[in-house]
N, C-alpha and C. Protein backbone atom coordinates (compact mmCIF):
# COMPACT_ATOMS: atom_id res chain seq x y z
N MET A 1 22.66 -6.07 7.37
CA MET A 1 21.64 -6.54 6.45
C MET A 1 20.26 -6.57 7.15
N LYS A 2 20.24 -7.09 8.37
CA LYS A 2 18.97 -7.17 9.09
C LYS A 2 18.42 -5.78 9.38
N LEU A 3 19.30 -4.85 9.73
CA LEU A 3 18.84 -3.49 10.01
C LEU A 3 18.20 -2.85 8.77
N ALA A 4 18.82 -3.04 7.62
CA ALA A 4 18.27 -2.49 6.38
C ALA A 4 16.91 -3.11 6.06
N LEU A 5 16.78 -4.42 6.27
CA LEU A 5 15.50 -5.07 6.02
C LEU A 5 14.44 -4.62 7.03
N ASP A 6 14.84 -4.42 8.28
CA ASP A 6 13.88 -3.92 9.27
C ASP A 6 13.38 -2.53 8.92
N ILE A 7 14.29 -1.66 8.49
CA ILE A 7 13.90 -0.30 8.08
C ILE A 7 12.97 -0.35 6.87
N PHE A 8 13.31 -1.21 5.90
CA PHE A 8 12.48 -1.36 4.71
C PHE A 8 11.09 -1.89 5.08
N LEU A 9 11.04 -2.82 6.04
CA LEU A 9 9.76 -3.36 6.48
C LEU A 9 8.92 -2.30 7.18
N ILE A 10 9.53 -1.46 7.98
CA ILE A 10 8.80 -0.38 8.65
C ILE A 10 8.25 0.61 7.64
N ILE A 11 9.06 0.97 6.65
CA ILE A 11 8.62 1.93 5.63
C ILE A 11 7.46 1.36 4.82
N THR A 12 7.59 0.09 4.39
CA THR A 12 6.51 -0.50 3.61
C THR A 12 5.24 -0.69 4.46
N SER A 13 5.40 -0.95 5.75
CA SER A 13 4.23 -1.08 6.63
C SER A 13 3.49 0.25 6.74
N LEU A 14 4.24 1.32 6.91
CA LEU A 14 3.61 2.64 6.99
C LEU A 14 2.93 3.01 5.67
N LEU A 15 3.58 2.69 4.55
CA LEU A 15 2.97 2.96 3.25
C LEU A 15 1.69 2.14 3.05
N MET A 16 1.71 0.89 3.50
CA MET A 16 0.51 0.06 3.39
C MET A 16 -0.65 0.67 4.17
N MET A 17 -0.37 1.12 5.39
CA MET A 17 -1.43 1.76 6.18
C MET A 17 -1.96 3.00 5.48
N LEU A 18 -1.07 3.82 4.94
CA LEU A 18 -1.48 5.04 4.26
C LEU A 18 -2.34 4.74 3.05
N PHE A 19 -1.89 3.82 2.21
CA PHE A 19 -2.62 3.53 0.98
C PHE A 19 -3.96 2.84 1.26
N ILE A 20 -4.01 2.01 2.28
CA ILE A 20 -5.29 1.38 2.62
C ILE A 20 -6.28 2.42 3.14
N LEU A 21 -5.79 3.37 3.94
CA LEU A 21 -6.68 4.42 4.43
C LEU A 21 -7.15 5.35 3.31
N LEU A 22 -6.37 5.49 2.26
CA LEU A 22 -6.76 6.36 1.16
C LEU A 22 -7.86 5.76 0.28
N HIS A 23 -8.05 4.45 0.36
CA HIS A 23 -9.10 3.82 -0.45
C HIS A 23 -10.47 4.27 0.01
N ARG A 24 -11.35 4.36 -0.95
CA ARG A 24 -12.71 4.79 -0.64
C ARG A 24 -13.52 3.60 -0.16
N GLY A 25 -14.13 3.78 0.94
CA GLY A 25 -15.02 2.75 1.46
C GLY A 25 -16.44 3.04 1.05
N LYS A 26 -17.37 2.57 1.83
CA LYS A 26 -18.78 2.80 1.52
C LYS A 26 -19.17 4.26 1.70
N GLY A 27 -18.50 4.95 2.63
CA GLY A 27 -18.88 6.31 2.93
C GLY A 27 -18.02 7.38 2.28
N GLY A 28 -17.15 7.03 1.37
CA GLY A 28 -16.32 8.02 0.70
C GLY A 28 -14.87 7.94 1.10
N GLY A 29 -14.57 7.71 2.35
CA GLY A 29 -13.20 7.50 2.81
C GLY A 29 -12.32 8.72 2.72
N LEU A 30 -11.06 8.51 2.99
CA LEU A 30 -10.09 9.60 2.94
C LEU A 30 -9.68 9.95 1.52
N SER A 31 -9.93 9.05 0.57
CA SER A 31 -9.53 9.34 -0.80
C SER A 31 -10.29 10.53 -1.38
N SER A 32 -11.46 10.82 -0.87
CA SER A 32 -12.22 11.96 -1.38
C SER A 32 -11.58 13.29 -0.95
N LEU A 33 -10.76 13.26 0.09
CA LEU A 33 -10.07 14.47 0.51
C LEU A 33 -9.00 14.90 -0.50
N PHE A 34 -8.43 13.93 -1.21
CA PHE A 34 -7.32 14.21 -2.11
C PHE A 34 -7.71 14.08 -3.58
N GLY A 35 -8.93 14.31 -3.91
CA GLY A 35 -9.36 14.31 -5.30
C GLY A 35 -9.97 13.01 -5.75
N GLY A 36 -10.03 12.01 -4.88
CA GLY A 36 -10.63 10.74 -5.26
C GLY A 36 -12.14 10.82 -5.37
N GLY A 37 -12.72 11.86 -4.83
CA GLY A 37 -14.17 12.01 -4.87
C GLY A 37 -14.68 12.48 -6.21
N VAL A 38 -13.82 13.01 -7.05
CA VAL A 38 -14.22 13.45 -8.38
C VAL A 38 -14.35 12.22 -9.25
N GLN A 39 -15.54 11.96 -9.70
CA GLN A 39 -15.81 10.74 -10.44
C GLN A 39 -15.77 10.98 -11.94
N SER A 40 -14.70 10.58 -12.57
CA SER A 40 -14.70 10.48 -14.03
C SER A 40 -14.83 9.00 -14.32
N THR A 41 -16.06 8.50 -14.28
CA THR A 41 -16.29 7.07 -14.30
C THR A 41 -15.91 6.48 -15.64
N LEU A 42 -15.00 5.56 -15.56
CA LEU A 42 -14.60 4.77 -16.71
C LEU A 42 -14.54 3.35 -16.21
N SER A 43 -15.49 2.55 -16.57
CA SER A 43 -15.66 1.17 -16.11
C SER A 43 -15.86 1.09 -14.60
N GLY A 44 -16.55 2.04 -14.03
CA GLY A 44 -16.96 1.94 -12.64
C GLY A 44 -16.05 2.59 -11.62
N SER A 45 -14.81 2.90 -11.96
CA SER A 45 -13.94 3.55 -10.98
C SER A 45 -13.09 4.61 -11.68
N SER A 46 -12.63 5.56 -10.91
CA SER A 46 -11.87 6.65 -11.50
C SER A 46 -10.43 6.22 -11.74
N VAL A 47 -9.73 7.00 -12.51
CA VAL A 47 -8.33 6.74 -12.83
C VAL A 47 -7.49 6.81 -11.56
N VAL A 48 -7.83 7.73 -10.67
CA VAL A 48 -7.10 7.89 -9.42
C VAL A 48 -7.20 6.61 -8.58
N GLU A 49 -8.39 6.06 -8.50
CA GLU A 49 -8.58 4.85 -7.69
C GLU A 49 -7.90 3.65 -8.31
N ARG A 50 -7.91 3.54 -9.63
CA ARG A 50 -7.22 2.42 -10.27
C ARG A 50 -5.72 2.52 -10.04
N ASN A 51 -5.16 3.73 -10.13
CA ASN A 51 -3.74 3.90 -9.85
C ASN A 51 -3.43 3.62 -8.39
N LEU A 52 -4.32 4.03 -7.50
CA LEU A 52 -4.13 3.75 -6.07
C LEU A 52 -4.17 2.25 -5.82
N ASP A 53 -5.05 1.54 -6.52
CA ASP A 53 -5.09 0.08 -6.40
C ASP A 53 -3.77 -0.55 -6.84
N ARG A 54 -3.24 -0.09 -7.96
CA ARG A 54 -1.98 -0.64 -8.47
C ARG A 54 -0.83 -0.38 -7.51
N VAL A 55 -0.74 0.84 -7.00
CA VAL A 55 0.34 1.18 -6.07
C VAL A 55 0.20 0.38 -4.78
N THR A 56 -1.03 0.20 -4.30
CA THR A 56 -1.25 -0.58 -3.09
C THR A 56 -0.82 -2.03 -3.28
N ILE A 57 -1.12 -2.60 -4.42
CA ILE A 57 -0.72 -3.98 -4.70
C ILE A 57 0.80 -4.10 -4.77
N ILE A 58 1.46 -3.14 -5.40
CA ILE A 58 2.93 -3.17 -5.50
C ILE A 58 3.55 -3.08 -4.11
N VAL A 59 3.04 -2.17 -3.28
CA VAL A 59 3.58 -2.03 -1.92
C VAL A 59 3.28 -3.28 -1.10
N ALA A 60 2.13 -3.91 -1.31
CA ALA A 60 1.80 -5.14 -0.58
C ALA A 60 2.75 -6.27 -0.96
N VAL A 61 3.11 -6.36 -2.22
CA VAL A 61 4.06 -7.38 -2.66
C VAL A 61 5.44 -7.11 -2.06
N LEU A 62 5.88 -5.86 -2.07
CA LEU A 62 7.17 -5.51 -1.45
C LEU A 62 7.15 -5.78 0.05
N TRP A 63 6.03 -5.51 0.70
CA TRP A 63 5.87 -5.76 2.13
C TRP A 63 5.99 -7.25 2.43
N THR A 64 5.35 -8.08 1.60
CA THR A 64 5.41 -9.53 1.78
C THR A 64 6.84 -10.04 1.58
N ILE A 65 7.52 -9.53 0.56
CA ILE A 65 8.91 -9.92 0.32
C ILE A 65 9.79 -9.52 1.49
N ALA A 66 9.55 -8.34 2.05
CA ALA A 66 10.34 -7.88 3.20
C ALA A 66 10.11 -8.78 4.41
N ILE A 67 8.90 -9.22 4.63
CA ILE A 67 8.60 -10.11 5.76
C ILE A 67 9.32 -11.44 5.59
N VAL A 68 9.26 -12.00 4.38
CA VAL A 68 9.94 -13.27 4.12
C VAL A 68 11.45 -13.11 4.27
N ALA A 69 11.99 -12.01 3.76
CA ALA A 69 13.43 -11.79 3.86
C ALA A 69 13.88 -11.64 5.31
N VAL A 70 13.12 -10.91 6.11
CA VAL A 70 13.47 -10.76 7.53
C VAL A 70 13.40 -12.12 8.21
N GLY A 71 12.40 -12.91 7.89
CA GLY A 71 12.29 -14.26 8.46
C GLY A 71 13.46 -15.13 8.10
N LEU A 72 13.91 -15.04 6.85
CA LEU A 72 15.07 -15.85 6.42
C LEU A 72 16.34 -15.39 7.11
N VAL A 73 16.53 -14.09 7.22
CA VAL A 73 17.73 -13.58 7.87
C VAL A 73 17.75 -13.98 9.34
N VAL A 74 16.61 -13.91 10.01
CA VAL A 74 16.55 -14.28 11.43
C VAL A 74 16.79 -15.79 11.60
N SER A 75 16.28 -16.59 10.70
CA SER A 75 16.43 -18.04 10.83
C SER A 75 17.88 -18.49 10.58
N PHE A 76 18.64 -17.73 9.79
CA PHE A 76 20.03 -18.09 9.52
C PHE A 76 20.99 -17.56 10.57
N ASP A 77 20.53 -16.69 11.44
CA ASP A 77 21.42 -16.14 12.50
C ASP A 77 21.50 -17.04 13.69
């Protein structure tokens, strides 16, 4: 069980790093490399960026759950 949670935590950590780097900062960021630079402005941000925000939040929640689960498993051992 702990091994599966550790693997899940590593995967979600890598995904968090990837999705955070894909966000556009003040200078354009890496998201402009993958089509995020095309601005079809609808309420200030593009559809790609809104979807990236949603996916990042979902991965962040899964990452937090994985951290809590690993902590609980370690505390019960």
